[in-house]
Amino acid sequence: MRLDRWTPLAVLWPERYVSRDLDLWSAFDIEEWSRRGYDWVEDDWNGFLDLAKRPHETLADGTGDCEDYALVAASWALANDRPGVGLAVCWEWPYPWPRHAIAYDDERVYSSGRITRESVAEYTNRDGYLFSLRRPLRREAGDRVSGGADESDPV
């Protein structure tokens, strides 16, 4: 197992995973790709040993699971100056580990090829998750992506 690609690390240290290729993402149509260019494919073992792909790998493959899509969406959202961009993992009963990863901004949730206009709390509640752990992202001087403070949304 390559721990540098372990899914929880993608959310806890997103600066290692979110792509900074502004030329690519500013010209990328996330809505069109979500509808026609992305095929959700579950990893062999989803859960504790789930591995994240880098956004460029997901684009090249055209496939991935929830965290792969979330990293593409977060990369796009940051490059396009969307406000309040972040990544989140969601828990559901009875699993002791996160079962789903999403990207979000102040207006939308990006979840495995679906883009909805709602908050993370609304999404979590609607889809029946117990809670989500959020990791805000922000762009700083020099186009560097860094993580913000952890937040959680209990339902």
Protein backbone atom coordinates (compact mmCIF):
# COMPACT_ATOMS: atom_id res chain seq x y z
CA MET A 1 0.00 0.00 0.00
CA ARG A 2 1.31 3.44 -0.90
CA LEU A 3 0.52 5.54 2.15
CA ASP A 4 1.29 8.74 0.23
CA ARG A 5 -1.95 8.05 -1.68
CA TRP A 6 -4.16 6.99 1.23
CA THR A 7 -7.52 8.78 0.92
CA PRO A 8 -7.67 10.36 4.41
CA LEU A 9 -4.33 12.06 3.69
CA ALA A 10 -5.86 13.71 0.62
CA VAL A 11 -8.34 15.50 2.88
CA LEU A 12 -6.02 16.14 5.83
CA TRP A 13 -3.15 17.47 3.67
CA PRO A 14 -4.87 18.64 0.48
CA GLU A 15 -1.93 20.82 -0.60
CA ARG A 16 -0.17 17.56 -1.58
CA TYR A 17 -3.07 16.41 -3.77
CA VAL A 18 -4.92 19.38 -5.24
CA SER A 19 -3.52 20.35 -8.64
CA ARG A 20 -2.20 23.87 -9.16
CA ASP A 21 -2.26 23.78 -12.98
CA LEU A 22 -4.18 27.03 -13.49
CA ASP A 23 -4.03 26.85 -17.29
CA LEU A 24 -5.68 23.42 -17.30
CA TRP A 25 -8.36 24.14 -14.71
CA SER A 26 -9.33 27.61 -15.92
CA ALA A 27 -10.13 26.12 -19.36
CA PHE A 28 -11.74 22.94 -17.92
CA ASP A 29 -15.55 22.54 -17.97
CA ILE A 30 -16.32 20.69 -14.73
CA GLU A 31 -20.04 20.46 -15.46
CA GLU A 32 -19.59 18.94 -18.91
CA TRP A 33 -16.89 16.54 -17.69
CA SER A 34 -19.09 15.51 -14.76
CA ARG A 35 -21.96 14.67 -17.13
CA ARG A 36 -20.04 13.03 -19.97
CA GLY A 37 -16.35 12.51 -19.23
CA TYR A 38 -16.30 10.95 -15.76
CA ASP A 39 -17.15 7.35 -14.94
CA TRP A 40 -17.43 6.46 -11.24
CA VAL A 41 -15.52 3.24 -10.55
CA GLU A 42 -15.06 1.96 -6.99
CA ASP A 43 -11.58 0.97 -5.83
CA ASP A 44 -11.04 -2.73 -5.12
CA TRP A 45 -11.44 -2.08 -1.40
CA ASN A 46 -13.31 1.09 -0.50
CA GLY A 47 -12.67 2.21 3.08
CA PHE A 48 -9.55 2.19 5.17
CA LEU A 49 -7.21 1.18 2.33
CA ASP A 50 -8.79 3.37 -0.32
CA LEU A 51 -6.16 5.09 -2.47
CA ALA A 52 -6.49 8.54 -4.03
CA LYS A 53 -5.35 9.38 -7.55
CA ARG A 54 -3.88 12.73 -8.48
CA PRO A 55 -6.32 14.93 -10.44
CA HIS A 56 -4.35 14.61 -13.70
CA GLU A 57 -4.54 10.79 -13.40
CA THR A 58 -8.31 10.93 -12.94
CA LEU A 59 -8.67 13.13 -16.01
CA ALA A 60 -6.47 10.84 -18.09
CA ASP A 61 -8.33 7.70 -16.96
CA GLY A 62 -11.79 9.28 -17.05
CA THR A 63 -12.58 7.09 -14.04
CA GLY A 64 -12.26 7.24 -10.31
CA ASP A 65 -14.22 7.08 -7.12
CA CYS A 66 -15.43 9.76 -4.76
CA GLU A 67 -12.10 11.16 -3.54
CA ASP A 68 -10.67 11.15 -7.06
CA TYR A 69 -13.61 13.23 -8.29
CA ALA A 70 -13.43 15.52 -5.24
CA LEU A 71 -9.76 16.31 -5.93
CA VAL A 72 -10.56 17.23 -9.55
CA ALA A 73 -13.48 19.40 -8.44
CA ALA A 74 -11.43 21.16 -5.74
CA SER A 75 -8.61 21.81 -8.22
CA TRP A 76 -11.09 23.32 -10.67
CA ALA A 77 -12.87 25.38 -8.00
CA LEU A 78 -9.62 26.89 -6.66
CA ALA A 79 -8.36 27.78 -10.14
CA ASN A 80 -11.68 29.43 -10.94
CA ASP A 81 -11.72 31.49 -7.74
CA ARG A 82 -14.83 29.86 -6.29
CA PRO A 83 -15.39 31.13 -2.74
CA GLY A 84 -15.13 28.77 0.24
CA VAL A 85 -13.52 25.78 -1.48
CA GLY A 86 -12.81 22.68 0.57
CA LEU A 87 -12.78 18.90 0.82
CA ALA A 88 -14.85 16.80 3.22
CA VAL A 89 -15.22 13.18 4.25
CA CYS A 90 -18.60 11.84 5.35
CA TRP A 91 -19.40 9.11 7.88
CA GLU A 92 -22.40 6.81 7.89
CA TRP A 93 -23.60 4.27 10.42
CA PRO A 94 -22.22 1.71 11.34
CA TYR A 95 -18.82 2.31 9.74
CA PRO A 96 -15.99 3.68 11.93
CA TRP A 97 -14.20 5.24 8.93
CA PRO A 98 -15.30 7.81 6.36
CA ARG A 99 -17.43 6.32 3.59
CA HIS A 100 -17.53 9.20 1.11
CA ALA A 101 -15.44 12.20 0.04
CA ILE A 102 -16.73 15.41 -1.55
CA ALA A 103 -15.49 18.81 -2.63
CA TYR A 104 -17.50 21.92 -1.86
CA ASP A 105 -17.58 25.68 -2.15
CA ASP A 106 -19.90 28.30 -0.69
CA GLU A 107 -22.65 27.47 -3.19
CA ARG A 108 -22.14 23.88 -4.35
CA VAL A 109 -21.27 20.33 -3.38
CA TYR A 110 -19.30 18.20 -5.87
CA SER A 111 -19.99 14.51 -5.26
CA SER A 112 -18.93 11.68 -7.58
CA GLY A 113 -20.00 13.38 -10.79
CA ARG A 114 -22.97 15.27 -9.32
CA ILE A 115 -22.90 19.01 -8.70
CA THR A 116 -25.68 20.30 -6.45
CA ARG A 117 -26.47 23.79 -5.17
CA GLU A 118 -26.50 23.24 -1.41
CA SER A 119 -24.33 23.49 1.67
CA VAL A 120 -22.27 20.61 3.03
CA ALA A 121 -24.66 20.37 5.99
CA GLU A 122 -27.67 20.14 3.64
CA TYR A 123 -25.90 17.52 1.52
CA THR A 124 -24.85 15.47 4.57
CA ASN A 125 -28.36 15.52 6.01
CA ARG A 126 -30.08 14.77 2.68
CA ASP A 127 -27.83 11.80 1.88
CA GLY A 128 -28.15 10.32 5.39
CA TYR A 129 -24.60 10.75 6.68
CA LEU A 130 -24.02 11.08 10.42
CA PHE A 131 -21.56 13.93 9.99
CA SER A 132 -18.79 15.27 7.79
CA LEU A 133 -15.30 16.46 8.58
CA ARG A 134 -14.47 19.46 6.43
CA ARG A 135 -11.07 20.80 5.40
CA PRO A 136 -11.30 24.30 3.86
CA LEU A 137 -8.79 25.25 1.16
CA ARG A 138 -7.68 28.69 0.19
CA ARG A 139 -5.34 30.23 -2.29
CA GLU A 140 -2.53 32.28 -0.87
CA ALA A 141 0.17 34.48 -2.33
CA GLY A 142 2.12 32.82 -5.10
CA ASP A 143 -0.81 30.58 -6.02
CA ARG A 144 0.01 28.16 -3.22
CA VAL A 145 -2.83 25.95 -2.02
CA SER A 146 -2.96 25.34 1.70
CA GLY A 147 -5.42 23.83 4.13
CA GLY A 148 -7.43 25.79 6.64
CA ALA A 149 -8.77 24.77 10.00
CA ASP A 150 -10.71 21.55 10.38
CA GLU A 151 -14.45 21.86 10.71
CA SER A 152 -17.17 19.29 11.22
CA ASP A 153 -20.88 19.20 10.50
CA PRO A 154 -22.76 17.04 12.98
CA VAL A 155 -26.31 16.26 11.89
